[in-house]
Protein backbone atom coordinates (compact mmCIF):
# COMPACT_ATOMS: atom_id res chain seq x y z
CA MET A 1 -0.34 25.50 -1.84
CA VAL A 2 -1.02 29.02 -0.71
CA ILE A 3 -2.56 27.82 2.35
CA LEU A 4 0.22 25.38 2.80
CA THR A 5 2.90 27.25 2.59
CA SER A 6 1.28 29.89 5.20
CA ILE A 7 1.18 27.13 7.34
CA LEU A 8 4.65 26.22 7.16
CA THR A 9 6.13 29.71 7.14
CA THR A 10 4.53 31.39 10.41
CA GLY A 11 7.52 30.61 12.40
CA ALA A 12 9.12 27.98 14.04
CA LEU A 13 7.13 25.86 16.53
CA THR A 14 8.16 25.31 20.19
CA LEU A 15 8.03 21.93 21.89
CA THR A 16 3.94 22.72 23.24
CA ALA A 17 3.06 23.69 20.03
CA CYS A 18 4.30 20.78 17.92
CA GLY A 19 1.99 18.82 20.00
CA SER A 20 -0.77 18.78 22.63
CA ARG A 21 -0.61 17.79 26.22
CA ASP A 22 -2.04 14.22 26.81
CA ASP A 23 -5.78 14.54 28.93
CA SER A 24 -6.39 11.32 27.82
CA GLY A 25 -4.87 9.21 30.49
CA ASP A 26 -2.84 7.20 28.53
CA GLY A 27 0.24 8.94 30.11
CA ASP A 28 1.84 11.17 32.21
CA SER A 29 -0.04 14.81 31.90
CA GLY A 30 3.01 16.23 30.78
CA ASP A 31 3.67 14.03 27.79
CA THR A 32 3.53 15.49 24.48
CA THR A 33 0.99 13.80 21.65
CA LEU A 34 2.06 13.86 18.39
CA THR A 35 -0.01 12.19 15.30
CA ILE A 36 0.22 9.42 12.61
CA GLY A 37 -1.67 10.19 9.64
CA VAL A 38 -3.45 7.74 7.85
CA ASP A 39 -4.87 8.38 4.09
CA ALA A 40 -6.97 5.41 2.49
CA PRO A 41 -10.23 4.36 0.71
CA LEU A 42 -11.90 3.75 4.36
CA SER A 43 -15.36 3.73 2.86
CA GLY A 44 -16.74 2.62 -0.66
CA GLU A 45 -14.34 1.13 -3.17
CA ASN A 46 -11.77 -0.84 -1.88
CA SER A 47 -12.58 0.00 1.82
CA THR A 48 -11.83 -3.52 3.10
CA THR A 49 -8.31 -3.17 2.07
CA GLY A 50 -8.17 0.74 3.34
CA LEU A 51 -9.75 -0.09 6.53
CA GLY A 52 -7.12 -2.62 7.17
CA ILE A 53 -4.02 -0.26 6.58
CA GLN A 54 -6.20 2.52 8.99
CA TYR A 55 -5.93 -0.29 12.13
CA GLY A 56 -2.34 -1.87 10.97
CA VAL A 57 -1.62 1.67 11.87
CA GLN A 58 -3.45 1.84 15.07
CA ILE A 59 -1.87 -1.20 16.46
CA ALA A 60 1.48 0.14 15.74
CA VAL A 61 0.65 3.56 17.99
CA ASP A 62 -1.03 1.24 20.42
CA ASP A 63 2.28 -0.85 21.30
CA ALA A 64 4.36 2.04 21.04
CA ASN A 65 2.96 3.85 23.39
CA LYS A 66 2.49 1.23 25.57
CA ASN A 67 6.43 0.29 25.26
CA ASN A 68 7.36 3.94 25.97
CA LEU A 69 9.30 4.16 22.31
CA VAL A 70 9.61 7.76 22.89
CA PRO A 71 9.88 8.97 26.29
CA GLY A 72 7.76 11.85 27.12
CA VAL A 73 5.84 11.30 23.85
CA LYS A 74 2.63 9.96 23.13
CA PHE A 75 0.97 8.81 19.48
CA LYS A 76 -2.36 9.29 18.42
CA VAL A 77 -4.06 8.57 14.92
CA LYS A 78 -5.81 10.80 12.64
CA ALA A 79 -6.89 8.91 9.77
CA LEU A 80 -8.89 10.38 6.37
CA ASP A 81 -11.31 8.57 4.17
CA ASP A 82 -9.70 9.12 0.49
CA LYS A 83 -12.42 7.71 -1.35
CA ALA A 84 -9.57 6.10 -3.72
CA GLN A 85 -10.00 9.47 -5.27
CA PRO A 86 -6.72 11.55 -6.21
CA ALA A 87 -8.58 14.50 -5.66
CA THR A 88 -10.16 14.09 -2.10
CA GLY A 89 -6.44 12.38 -1.75
CA GLN A 90 -5.10 15.41 -2.26
CA SER A 91 -7.11 17.85 -0.07
CA ASN A 92 -6.43 15.40 2.61
CA ALA A 93 -3.01 15.63 2.48
CA THR A 94 -3.29 19.00 2.36
CA ALA A 95 -5.02 18.94 5.85
CA LEU A 96 -2.70 16.75 7.68
CA VAL A 97 -0.06 19.05 6.94
CA GLY A 98 -1.73 21.66 8.23
CA ASP A 99 -2.17 20.07 11.62
CA LYS A 100 0.58 20.71 13.70
CA THR A 101 0.94 17.51 15.80
CA VAL A 102 1.19 15.59 12.52
CA VAL A 103 4.74 14.24 12.13
CA GLY A 104 4.04 11.92 9.42
CA THR A 105 1.37 9.95 7.19
CA VAL A 106 1.23 6.34 5.98
CA GLY A 107 -0.85 5.84 3.05
CA PRO A 108 -2.00 6.23 0.68
CA LEU A 109 -3.63 2.48 -0.93
CA ASN A 110 -3.83 3.88 -4.35
CA SER A 111 -0.74 4.83 -6.65
CA GLY A 112 -2.81 6.81 -8.49
CA VAL A 113 -4.01 8.92 -5.45
CA ALA A 114 -0.64 9.10 -4.62
CA GLN A 115 0.24 11.09 -7.29
CA SER A 116 -2.08 13.61 -6.12
CA MET A 117 -0.64 13.84 -3.04
CA GLN A 118 3.74 13.44 -3.22
CA GLN A 119 4.16 17.60 -4.38
CA VAL A 120 1.87 18.29 -0.48
CA PHE A 121 4.00 16.74 1.55
CA ALA A 122 7.28 17.42 -0.52
CA SER A 123 6.18 20.68 -0.13
CA ALA A 124 5.72 20.68 3.81
CA ASN A 125 8.99 18.42 4.00
CA MET A 126 6.91 15.93 5.96
CA VAL A 127 7.03 11.93 5.18
CA GLU A 128 4.97 9.83 3.59
CA ILE A 129 4.98 6.11 3.67
CA SER A 130 2.53 3.80 1.49
CA PRO A 131 2.23 0.17 2.42
CA SER A 132 0.91 -0.64 -0.95
CA ASN A 133 1.32 1.86 -4.11
CA THR A 134 3.52 -0.40 -5.94
CA ASN A 135 3.83 1.84 -9.19
CA PRO A 136 7.34 2.16 -10.30
CA GLU A 137 7.46 6.01 -10.88
CA LEU A 138 6.17 7.11 -8.08
CA THR A 139 9.85 6.53 -6.92
CA GLN A 140 11.80 6.45 -9.73
CA GLY A 141 10.51 8.70 -12.24
CA LYS A 142 8.14 8.62 -15.42
CA ASN A 143 11.35 7.09 -16.71
CA TRP A 144 12.36 4.09 -14.83
CA GLN A 145 12.83 2.18 -16.91
CA THR A 146 15.79 3.75 -18.51
CA ASP A 147 16.57 6.71 -16.34
CA LYS A 148 15.70 5.97 -12.90
CA LYS A 149 15.63 9.67 -11.05
CA ARG A 150 13.93 9.96 -7.80
CA PRO A 151 10.97 12.91 -7.82
CA TYR A 152 10.59 13.09 -3.90
CA LYS A 153 12.92 12.47 -0.94
CA THR A 154 9.35 12.37 1.39
CA TYR A 155 8.01 9.68 0.07
CA PHE A 156 8.84 6.01 0.96
CA ARG A 157 7.13 2.96 0.79
CA THR A 158 7.06 -0.70 2.39
CA ALA A 159 5.51 -2.60 -0.56
CA THR A 160 7.66 -3.39 -3.46
CA THR A 161 7.17 -2.12 -7.15
CA ASP A 162 5.10 -3.14 -10.39
CA GLU A 163 8.06 -3.82 -11.82
CA LEU A 164 8.68 -6.69 -9.98
CA GLN A 165 4.75 -8.12 -9.03
CA GLY A 166 4.21 -8.17 -12.72
CA THR A 167 7.59 -10.12 -13.49
CA PHE A 168 6.43 -12.45 -10.73
CA ALA A 169 3.19 -13.34 -12.05
CA ALA A 170 4.09 -13.43 -15.85
CA GLU A 171 7.23 -16.26 -14.65
CA TYR A 172 4.94 -17.97 -12.42
CA ALA A 173 1.73 -17.78 -15.67
CA TYR A 174 4.10 -19.20 -17.85
CA ASN A 175 6.67 -20.97 -15.98
CA ASP A 176 4.60 -23.17 -13.21
CA LEU A 177 1.14 -22.66 -14.79
CA LYS A 178 2.21 -23.48 -17.75
CA LYS A 179 0.17 -21.04 -20.06
CA LYS A 180 0.90 -20.06 -23.17
CA LYS A 181 -2.18 -17.44 -24.38
CA ALA A 182 -3.45 -14.55 -21.86
CA PHE A 183 -5.87 -11.48 -22.62
CA VAL A 184 -5.00 -8.52 -20.52
CA VAL A 185 -7.60 -6.48 -19.33
CA ASP A 186 -6.78 -3.27 -16.98
CA ASP A 187 -9.20 -0.44 -15.50
CA LYS A 188 -7.36 2.25 -16.81
CA GLN A 189 -6.04 3.58 -13.45
CA THR A 190 -2.40 4.32 -12.80
CA TYR A 191 -1.89 1.01 -10.61
CA GLY A 192 -3.75 -1.36 -12.69
CA ALA A 193 -2.61 0.00 -15.99
CA GLY A 194 0.94 0.24 -15.30
CA LEU A 195 0.89 -3.98 -13.96
CA ALA A 196 -0.84 -4.39 -16.83
CA LYS A 197 1.73 -3.28 -19.14
CA ILE A 198 4.53 -4.78 -16.75
CA PHE A 199 2.95 -8.28 -17.39
CA ASN A 200 1.89 -8.12 -20.81
CA GLU A 201 5.91 -7.14 -21.96
CA GLN A 202 7.16 -10.02 -19.34
CA PHE A 203 4.62 -12.40 -20.44
CA LYS A 204 5.79 -11.91 -24.24
CA GLY A 205 9.43 -12.30 -23.31
CA LEU A 206 9.12 -15.56 -22.13
CA GLY A 207 7.70 -16.79 -24.98
CA GLY A 208 3.94 -16.59 -24.28
CA ALA A 209 1.09 -14.77 -26.72
CA ILE A 210 -1.10 -12.42 -26.43
CA ALA A 211 -4.60 -13.39 -27.11
CA GLY A 212 -5.87 -9.73 -26.63
CA THR A 213 -5.86 -6.66 -24.58
CA ASP A 214 -8.81 -4.33 -23.58
CA HIS A 215 -9.78 -2.20 -20.72
CA VAL A 216 -13.15 -1.23 -18.30
CA ASN A 217 -14.07 1.37 -16.14
CA THR A 218 -14.55 1.47 -12.53
CA GLY A 219 -17.52 0.97 -11.49
CA ASP A 220 -18.62 -0.96 -14.54
CA LYS A 221 -20.65 -4.03 -13.70
CA ASP A 222 -22.19 -5.46 -17.11
CA PHE A 223 -19.00 -7.21 -18.71
CA ALA A 224 -20.73 -9.13 -21.25
CA SER A 225 -19.33 -7.69 -24.25
CA LEU A 226 -15.86 -8.37 -22.70
CA VAL A 227 -16.45 -11.86 -21.70
CA THR A 228 -17.09 -12.49 -25.60
CA LYS A 229 -13.96 -10.88 -26.57
CA ILE A 230 -12.03 -13.16 -23.93
CA LYS A 231 -14.00 -16.43 -25.14
CA THR A 232 -13.79 -16.28 -28.83
CA SER A 233 -9.75 -15.39 -28.26
CA GLY A 234 -9.07 -18.93 -26.98
CA ALA A 235 -7.00 -17.24 -24.05
CA ASP A 236 -5.75 -19.65 -21.08
CA LEU A 237 -5.42 -17.38 -18.59
CA LEU A 238 -7.07 -13.84 -18.23
CA TYR A 239 -4.57 -11.06 -16.54
CA TYR A 240 -6.11 -8.33 -14.61
CA GLY A 241 -4.79 -4.97 -13.90
CA GLY A 242 -6.36 -3.58 -10.92
CA GLN A 243 -8.82 -3.51 -8.02
CA TYR A 244 -11.41 -6.45 -6.67
CA ASP A 245 -14.24 -4.57 -6.65
CA GLU A 246 -14.73 -5.13 -10.72
CA SER A 247 -12.34 -8.34 -10.89
CA ALA A 248 -14.39 -10.45 -8.95
CA LEU A 249 -17.85 -9.62 -11.16
CA ILE A 250 -15.22 -10.51 -14.13
CA THR A 251 -14.50 -13.69 -13.05
CA LYS A 252 -18.39 -14.61 -12.20
CA GLN A 253 -19.67 -13.38 -15.58
CA LEU A 254 -16.84 -15.36 -17.11
CA LYS A 255 -17.53 -18.44 -15.50
CA ASP A 256 -21.20 -18.04 -15.90
CA ALA A 257 -20.43 -17.86 -19.31
CA GLY A 258 -18.45 -21.48 -19.84
CA VAL A 259 -15.21 -19.55 -19.65
CA LYS A 260 -13.02 -22.11 -17.21
CA ILE A 261 -10.43 -20.03 -17.24
CA PRO A 262 -8.38 -18.38 -14.52
CA LEU A 263 -8.13 -14.90 -13.59
CA PHE A 264 -4.62 -13.45 -12.09
CA GLY A 265 -4.27 -10.45 -10.94
CA GLY A 266 -2.02 -8.53 -8.33
CA ASP A 267 -2.19 -7.11 -4.77
CA GLY A 268 -5.48 -4.85 -5.45
CA MET A 269 -7.39 -7.89 -5.82
CA TYR A 270 -5.86 -9.65 -2.51
CA ALA A 271 -8.71 -9.54 -0.06
CA SER A 272 -11.81 -11.29 1.29
CA THR A 273 -13.95 -9.41 -0.22
CA TYR A 274 -13.24 -10.68 -3.77
CA ILE A 275 -13.95 -14.38 -2.65
CA GLU A 276 -17.34 -13.15 -1.12
CA THR A 277 -18.44 -11.41 -4.47
CA ALA A 278 -17.04 -13.66 -6.80
CA GLY A 279 -18.01 -16.62 -5.01
CA THR A 280 -17.50 -20.27 -5.94
CA SER A 281 -16.07 -17.98 -9.54
CA SER A 282 -13.45 -17.76 -7.78
CA GLU A 283 -12.06 -20.39 -7.67
CA GLY A 284 -8.57 -21.09 -8.69
CA ASP A 285 -8.30 -17.64 -9.19
CA LEU A 286 -5.05 -16.02 -8.51
CA VAL A 287 -3.08 -13.11 -7.35
CA THR A 288 0.26 -11.65 -6.30
CA SER A 289 0.57 -9.66 -3.02
CA VAL A 290 3.72 -8.02 -1.55
CA GLY A 291 6.12 -10.06 1.02
CA VAL A 292 5.22 -13.62 2.70
CA PRO A 293 2.15 -14.30 4.23
CA VAL A 294 1.42 -12.11 7.58
CA ASP A 295 0.01 -14.95 9.31
CA THR A 296 3.27 -16.83 8.81
CA LEU A 297 5.62 -14.70 10.31
CA ALA A 298 6.80 -15.10 14.04
CA GLY A 299 7.18 -11.37 14.48
CA ALA A 300 3.49 -10.77 13.16
CA LYS A 301 1.84 -13.39 15.57
CA ALA A 302 0.79 -10.50 18.70
CA PHE A 303 -0.23 -8.52 15.72
CA VAL A 304 -2.25 -10.77 14.13
CA ALA A 305 -4.24 -11.73 17.50
CA GLU A 306 -4.80 -8.05 18.52
CA TYR A 307 -6.34 -7.37 15.42
CA LYS A 308 -8.94 -10.25 15.70
CA ALA A 309 -9.11 -9.48 19.21
CA LYS A 310 -10.32 -6.14 18.65
CA GLY A 311 -12.44 -7.20 16.00
CA TYR A 312 -11.60 -4.49 13.98
CA LYS A 313 -12.93 -4.30 10.62
CA GLY A 314 -10.97 -4.81 6.93
CA ASP A 315 -8.59 -6.93 6.12
CA TYR A 316 -5.23 -6.96 7.64
CA GLY A 317 -3.68 -9.84 5.29
CA ALA A 318 -2.69 -7.01 2.27
CA TYR A 319 -1.48 -4.29 4.08
CA GLY A 320 -1.86 -4.15 7.79
CA GLY A 321 1.74 -5.60 8.78
CA TYR A 322 3.31 -2.99 6.08
CA SER A 323 1.09 -0.16 7.73
CA TYR A 324 2.22 -1.35 11.04
CA ASP A 325 5.80 -1.18 10.00
CA ALA A 326 5.50 2.01 7.94
CA ALA A 327 4.51 3.70 11.33
CA THR A 328 6.59 2.61 13.22
CA ALA A 329 9.64 3.62 10.81
CA ILE A 330 8.02 7.06 11.38
CA MET A 331 7.78 6.93 15.44
CA LYS A 332 11.53 5.45 15.34
CA ALA A 333 12.38 8.48 13.19
CA VAL A 334 10.28 10.79 15.99
CA LYS A 335 12.81 8.93 18.54
CA ALA A 336 16.17 9.15 16.87
CA ALA A 337 15.18 13.52 15.96
CA MET A 338 15.07 13.42 19.90
CA ASP A 339 17.82 11.93 20.84
CA ALA A 340 20.33 13.70 18.11
CA ASN A 341 18.77 16.73 19.95
CA ASP A 342 19.93 16.35 23.45
CA GLY A 343 17.01 14.59 24.25
CA LYS A 344 14.30 16.99 23.31
CA LEU A 345 12.18 17.64 20.41
CA PRO A 346 12.75 20.01 17.88
CA GLU A 347 10.77 22.06 16.93
CA MET A 348 8.08 21.60 14.36
CA ASN A 349 9.52 22.21 11.08
CA ASP A 350 12.58 20.95 12.11
CA LEU A 351 11.01 17.44 13.81
CA ARG A 352 9.31 16.90 10.31
CA SER A 353 12.74 17.61 7.87
CA THR A 354 14.89 15.37 10.47
CA VAL A 355 12.04 12.38 10.29
CA VAL A 356 12.23 12.22 6.77
CA ASP A 357 16.41 11.97 6.82
CA GLU A 358 15.97 9.39 9.61
CA VAL A 359 12.87 7.71 8.03
CA GLN A 360 15.80 7.43 5.07
CA LYS A 361 18.23 5.52 7.24
CA SER A 362 15.70 2.88 8.94
CA ASP A 363 17.04 -0.61 9.42
CA PHE A 364 15.22 -2.44 11.99
CA GLU A 365 13.32 -6.00 12.33
CA GLY A 366 9.61 -5.38 11.77
CA ILE A 367 6.90 -7.21 11.58
CA THR A 368 6.79 -8.46 8.00
CA GLY A 369 10.64 -8.46 7.98
CA LYS A 370 13.66 -5.97 7.99
CA VAL A 371 12.57 -2.60 6.63
CA SER A 372 14.95 -0.36 5.01
CA PHE A 373 14.46 1.70 2.42
CA ASP A 374 17.31 2.44 -1.23
CA GLU A 375 18.12 5.81 -2.63
CA TYR A 376 14.25 5.92 -4.11
CA GLY A 377 12.70 5.30 -0.86
CA ASP A 378 11.24 1.81 -2.29
CA THR A 379 11.61 -1.16 0.25
CA GLY A 380 14.57 -3.55 0.60
CA ASN A 381 12.05 -6.23 1.05
CA LYS A 382 11.62 -7.68 -2.34
CA GLN A 383 9.85 -10.71 -1.43
CA LEU A 384 6.39 -11.59 -3.30
CA THR A 385 3.87 -14.47 -3.19
CA VAL A 386 1.34 -16.20 -5.33
CA TYR A 387 -1.86 -16.65 -3.62
CA GLN A 388 -4.93 -19.06 -5.51
CA VAL A 389 -8.18 -19.55 -4.10
CA VAL A 390 -8.56 -23.02 -3.01
CA LYS A 391 -11.90 -24.05 -0.97
CA GLY A 392 -13.32 -20.59 -0.62
CA ALA A 393 -9.71 -19.04 0.86
CA TRP A 394 -6.98 -17.66 -0.29
CA LYS A 395 -3.97 -20.09 -0.34
CA ALA A 396 -0.09 -19.35 -0.76
CA VAL A 397 0.99 -21.38 -3.31
CA HIS A 398 4.41 -19.76 -4.56
CA THR A 399 6.99 -17.19 -2.33
CA GLY A 400 9.91 -15.46 -3.85
CA THR A 401 11.41 -12.92 -6.54
CA PRO A 402 11.60 -12.71 -10.26
CA THR A 403 14.16 -14.25 -11.29
CA SER A 404 15.00 -12.21 -14.33
C-alpha cells in the first residue's frame, strides 16, 4: 500500500499528465487519451466469460470514441489477466491505480477476487464496476442479512446479487420444476459457497428437503465419491455453487453413473464451454444468470453484431452487455466531470474522485436496460433468467424477479 499511496500523493496532475496524447490516428492530435482498466481471467479457468468482459468493454470504448462521447478525449482499454486468483487481482488493482491514465476499472469476474481488490481502489478513490460479482457482502457488508452497511463507496456492480439469484433458483426448482429433494454442492469459494448457502436456505423455506451437502475443490477432476453420495441420497436435483470448470465434469460423471437428475447452478456456469465440455450429459441442466438474454434486447443488437463481426473470443452472453454498460457508466462520468469543470478535464486525483460521485448518479438507458445504482452500489436492474440446455444450447425458459 505504500507504493499505492506515494503514487497518489506526489502532487496534482495536470491535464497533460492525466492522459497521454493520442498519436494513433483515431482522433485529433490534441485529444487526451484516458484508460479504462479491465481485470478478469483472460486465460485458464473462467477465461471464456473473462474474455467476454474484456471485449464488451472494448466495444463500448470503440463506440464512445466513434461517437465522440467526451469531446477532446479518446479512451483506450488496458486489460489485465487475474487468472481467477485473488492475489493476482490485487496486484493488478495496484498496477491499474499506478497508471496515471486509468480513470476507472471494469471487473473482476469473481467475487473472491473482488474482495482482494476493493481496498486498493478505495485507497485511490478510483471507481470499480463489476459486471458479474454477485456476493452480497461486496456491497452490503458481512452482516448484510441483518445490518446492511456499504464497505466501499468506490465499488459498484451491474449484476444483481446472489440474495436474489439463489432465491430465484430455489423458487424455480421447487415451484416450476416440482423438485422436492435437492443435493447441494459448492466449490468453497466466495461466490460458490455464498450462492449455495442461499439456495439451501430458500429451498428449505419453500418446503423442499436437502438430501445432502458437500464441497469440492477448484481444479478437481475426479468426482466419483461425490457421485456416489448423490446417487444414494435419492435427490431429484443437484444444485451447484461454483463455476463451469468443475460443474461440467460433475454432470458428466453423474449421468455416466446413471443418475439422470438435472444439475442446476448460477451464472458462473452460464457459458458455452459448460456444454462443450459436458457434451450430451448437459442436456436438461439449468442455470440462472443476471438480466435477460442479451440477444433479445433491441438496444444490444448492434453490440452483438459487432462482437460477432470482429470475431472476438469468449462468450458475450453472460456479461458482455453488462461490461459494455459498466464501461459506458465510467465514460459518461468522465464527461460529467468535465462539464462541471467548465469543459476541462480536472486534475487526475480530482477526476478519479469526481468519476466515483458521478457513477453513483448514473441514470441512463444502456444496452442491457436502465443503468442506475442504489445506495449500496448495487444495480437497479433486478431481472434474472433461467436457462436450460435444450438440444445442445442454452435456451431461456423463465425470466423475472424473485417473489419472496
